[in-house]
Amino acid sequence: MKTKVFLTLCVVFVMGLATSAYAQLVAGSPEDAAYTKIVGEENPDAKTTLLLDFEKQFPQSKVLPDIYVMLMGIYQQKLKNQPPPPNYTPDQWKAYIDNTEQAAKSMLAYARSLATP
């Protein structure tokens, strides 16, 4: 489970590098309207629902990397705010969260260095 979460975070961070989202949407299109609604939503649970709906409605969208990055941010906040699982002490859980976040940031920095000429 830990590996799956970690790999998902890494993939999402790398995918986030390849996007310039809003410029890739056709103004006034249903896709643009859905994206605008997502950006304006402040409730994390409602935003998650909108993000998952967007993914289903527009599976070929060029802004899917941004959708995944937003989802990852929401999931990351929920993971940080959850009580530790039964097999973790509070200190172990905090260390796990911190290590996962640091690893994801390192991979993002590495991916960015590859994208820079």
C-alpha atoms as a PDB file:
ATOM      1  CA  MET A   1       0.000   0.000   0.000  1.00  0.00           C
ATOM      2  CA  LYS A   2       2.793   2.429   0.912  1.00  0.00           C
ATOM      3  CA  THR A   3       4.589   1.725  -2.344  1.00  0.00           C
ATOM      4  CA  LYS A   4       1.408   2.237  -4.360  1.00  0.00           C
ATOM      5  CA  VAL A   5       0.732   5.621  -2.726  1.00  0.00           C
ATOM      6  CA  PHE A   6       4.335   6.686  -3.172  1.00  0.00           C
ATOM      7  CA  LEU A   7       4.467   5.680  -6.843  1.00  0.00           C
ATOM      8  CA  THR A   8       1.159   7.401  -7.518  1.00  0.00           C
ATOM      9  CA  LEU A   9       2.482  10.610  -5.982  1.00  0.00           C
ATOM     10  CA  CYS A  10       5.636  10.392  -8.072  1.00  0.00           C
ATOM     11  CA  VAL A  11       3.776   9.822 -11.334  1.00  0.00           C
ATOM     12  CA  VAL A  12       1.427  12.687 -10.597  1.00  0.00           C
ATOM     13  CA  PHE A  13       4.293  15.060  -9.849  1.00  0.00           C
ATOM     14  CA  VAL A  14       6.080  14.170 -13.078  1.00  0.00           C
ATOM     15  CA  MET A  15       2.877  14.494 -15.089  1.00  0.00           C
ATOM     16  CA  GLY A  16       2.311  17.902 -13.545  1.00  0.00           C
ATOM     17  CA  LEU A  17       5.470  19.163 -15.189  1.00  0.00           C
ATOM     18  CA  ALA A  18       4.163  18.696 -18.709  1.00  0.00           C
ATOM     19  CA  THR A  19       1.156  20.964 -18.457  1.00  0.00           C
ATOM     20  CA  SER A  20       0.088  24.488 -19.161  1.00  0.00           C
ATOM     21  CA  ALA A  21      -3.524  23.728 -18.406  1.00  0.00           C
ATOM     22  CA  TYR A  22      -5.749  26.659 -18.814  1.00  0.00           C
ATOM     23  CA  ALA A  23      -4.180  27.714 -22.110  1.00  0.00           C
ATOM     24  CA  GLN A  24      -5.045  24.296 -23.544  1.00  0.00           C
ATOM     25  CA  LEU A  25      -8.796  24.609 -22.989  1.00  0.00           C
ATOM     26  CA  VAL A  26     -11.187  25.966 -25.597  1.00  0.00           C
ATOM     27  CA  ALA A  27     -12.936  28.948 -24.048  1.00  0.00           C
ATOM     28  CA  GLY A  28     -16.635  28.351 -23.488  1.00  0.00           C
ATOM     29  CA  SER A  29     -16.408  24.590 -24.051  1.00  0.00           C
ATOM     30  CA  PRO A  30     -17.959  22.121 -21.593  1.00  0.00           C
ATOM     31  CA  GLU A  31     -14.420  21.104 -20.649  1.00  0.00           C
ATOM     32  CA  ASP A  32     -13.535  24.738 -19.865  1.00  0.00           C
ATOM     33  CA  ALA A  33     -16.717  25.158 -17.802  1.00  0.00           C
ATOM     34  CA  ALA A  34     -15.979  22.003 -15.797  1.00  0.00           C
ATOM     35  CA  TYR A  35     -12.373  23.065 -15.180  1.00  0.00           C
ATOM     36  CA  THR A  36     -13.446  26.550 -14.113  1.00  0.00           C
ATOM     37  CA  LYS A  37     -15.945  25.039 -11.676  1.00  0.00           C
ATOM     38  CA  ILE A  38     -13.199  22.844 -10.201  1.00  0.00           C
ATOM     39  CA  VAL A  39     -10.824  25.759  -9.743  1.00  0.00           C
ATOM     40  CA  GLY A  40     -13.531  27.757  -7.968  1.00  0.00           C
ATOM     41  CA  GLU A  41     -14.543  24.951  -5.583  1.00  0.00           C
ATOM     42  CA  GLU A  42     -13.089  25.293  -2.081  1.00  0.00           C
ATOM     43  CA  ASN A  43     -14.627  22.280  -0.326  1.00  0.00           C
ATOM     44  CA  PRO A  44     -12.096  19.409  -0.668  1.00  0.00           C
ATOM     45  CA  ASP A  45     -14.746  16.668  -0.822  1.00  0.00           C
ATOM     46  CA  ALA A  46     -16.819  18.510  -3.429  1.00  0.00           C
ATOM     47  CA  LYS A  47     -13.660  19.326  -5.386  1.00  0.00           C
ATOM     48  CA  THR A  48     -12.623  15.655  -5.330  1.00  0.00           C
ATOM     49  CA  THR A  49     -15.993  14.687  -6.794  1.00  0.00           C
ATOM     50  CA  LEU A  50     -15.656  17.313  -9.533  1.00  0.00           C
ATOM     51  CA  LEU A  51     -12.108  16.207 -10.324  1.00  0.00           C
ATOM     52  CA  LEU A  52     -13.072  12.561 -10.627  1.00  0.00           C
ATOM     53  CA  ASP A  53     -16.080  13.497 -12.789  1.00  0.00           C
ATOM     54  CA  PHE A  54     -13.817  15.578 -15.035  1.00  0.00           C
ATOM     55  CA  GLU A  55     -11.498  12.607 -15.494  1.00  0.00           C
ATOM     56  CA  LYS A  56     -14.436  10.423 -16.570  1.00  0.00           C
ATOM     57  CA  GLN A  57     -16.035  13.029 -18.852  1.00  0.00           C
ATOM     58  CA  PHE A  58     -12.825  14.160 -20.559  1.00  0.00           C
ATOM     59  CA  PRO A  59     -10.447  11.156 -20.624  1.00  0.00           C
ATOM     60  CA  GLN A  60      -8.385  12.642 -23.457  1.00  0.00           C
ATOM     61  CA  SER A  61      -8.101  16.130 -21.946  1.00  0.00           C
ATOM     62  CA  LYS A  62      -4.751  17.850 -22.121  1.00  0.00           C
ATOM     63  CA  VAL A  63      -5.344  19.198 -18.589  1.00  0.00           C
ATOM     64  CA  LEU A  64      -5.594  15.767 -16.947  1.00  0.00           C
ATOM     65  CA  PRO A  65      -2.123  16.220 -15.406  1.00  0.00           C
ATOM     66  CA  ASP A  66      -3.450  19.275 -13.575  1.00  0.00           C
ATOM     67  CA  ILE A  67      -6.508  17.311 -12.495  1.00  0.00           C
ATOM     68  CA  TYR A  68      -4.251  14.616 -11.044  1.00  0.00           C
ATOM     69  CA  VAL A  69      -2.040  17.171  -9.290  1.00  0.00           C
ATOM     70  CA  MET A  70      -5.102  18.750  -7.669  1.00  0.00           C
ATOM     71  CA  LEU A  71      -6.352  15.325  -6.577  1.00  0.00           C
ATOM     72  CA  MET A  72      -2.947  14.472  -5.193  1.00  0.00           C
ATOM     73  CA  GLY A  73      -2.901  17.683  -3.176  1.00  0.00           C
ATOM     74  CA  ILE A  74      -6.280  16.891  -1.648  1.00  0.00           C
ATOM     75  CA  TYR A  75      -5.284  13.302  -0.868  1.00  0.00           C
ATOM     76  CA  GLN A  76      -1.981  14.454   0.589  1.00  0.00           C
ATOM     77  CA  GLN A  77      -3.762  16.854   2.952  1.00  0.00           C
ATOM     78  CA  LYS A  78      -6.169  14.099   4.022  1.00  0.00           C
ATOM     79  CA  LEU A  79      -3.228  11.715   4.603  1.00  0.00           C
ATOM     80  CA  LYS A  80      -1.487  14.347   6.740  1.00  0.00           C
ATOM     81  CA  ASN A  81      -4.616  14.976   8.782  1.00  0.00           C
ATOM     82  CA  GLN A  82      -5.577  11.344   9.353  1.00  0.00           C
ATOM     83  CA  PRO A  83      -4.764   9.653  12.637  1.00  0.00           C
ATOM     84  CA  PRO A  84      -1.977   7.100  12.327  1.00  0.00           C
ATOM     85  CA  PRO A  85      -2.961   3.613  11.175  1.00  0.00           C
ATOM     86  CA  PRO A  86      -3.007   0.970  13.936  1.00  0.00           C
ATOM     87  CA  ASN A  87       0.484  -0.294  13.099  1.00  0.00           C
ATOM     88  CA  TYR A  88       2.096   3.189  13.420  1.00  0.00           C
ATOM     89  CA  THR A  89       2.895   5.318  16.434  1.00  0.00           C
ATOM     90  CA  PRO A  90       2.183   9.052  15.979  1.00  0.00           C
ATOM     91  CA  ASP A  91       5.934   9.690  15.548  1.00  0.00           C
ATOM     92  CA  GLN A  92       6.294   6.886  12.984  1.00  0.00           C
ATOM     93  CA  TRP A  93       3.292   8.196  11.038  1.00  0.00           C
ATOM     94  CA  LYS A  94       4.686  11.732  10.985  1.00  0.00           C
ATOM     95  CA  ALA A  95       8.063  10.414   9.837  1.00  0.00           C
ATOM     96  CA  TYR A  96       6.371   8.364   7.091  1.00  0.00           C
ATOM     97  CA  ILE A  97       4.393  11.370   5.855  1.00  0.00           C
ATOM     98  CA  ASP A  98       7.469  13.622   5.958  1.00  0.00           C
ATOM     99  CA  ASN A  99       9.633  11.055   4.127  1.00  0.00           C
ATOM    100  CA  THR A 100       7.003  10.491   1.451  1.00  0.00           C
ATOM    101  CA  GLU A 101       6.578  14.210   0.894  1.00  0.00           C
ATOM    102  CA  GLN A 102      10.338  14.786   0.738  1.00  0.00           C
ATOM    103  CA  ALA A 103      10.813  11.949  -1.740  1.00  0.00           C
ATOM    104  CA  ALA A 104       8.059  13.332  -3.973  1.00  0.00           C
ATOM    105  CA  LYS A 105       9.622  16.810  -3.848  1.00  0.00           C
ATOM    106  CA  SER A 106      13.023  15.359  -4.744  1.00  0.00           C
ATOM    107  CA  MET A 107      11.576  13.516  -7.720  1.00  0.00           C
ATOM    108  CA  LEU A 108       9.792  16.666  -8.845  1.00  0.00           C
ATOM    109  CA  ALA A 109      13.037  18.638  -8.642  1.00  0.00           C
ATOM    110  CA  TYR A 110      14.814  15.924 -10.626  1.00  0.00           C
ATOM    111  CA  ALA A 111      12.088  15.840 -13.271  1.00  0.00           C
ATOM    112  CA  ARG A 112      12.223  19.620 -13.567  1.00  0.00           C
ATOM    113  CA  SER A 113      15.985  19.500 -14.028  1.00  0.00           C
ATOM    114  CA  LEU A 114      15.488  17.092 -16.945  1.00  0.00           C
ATOM    115  CA  ALA A 115      12.894  19.366 -18.538  1.00  0.00           C
ATOM    116  CA  THR A 116      15.153  22.424 -18.357  1.00  0.00           C
ATOM    117  CA  PRO A 117      17.439  22.771 -21.395  1.00  0.00           C
END
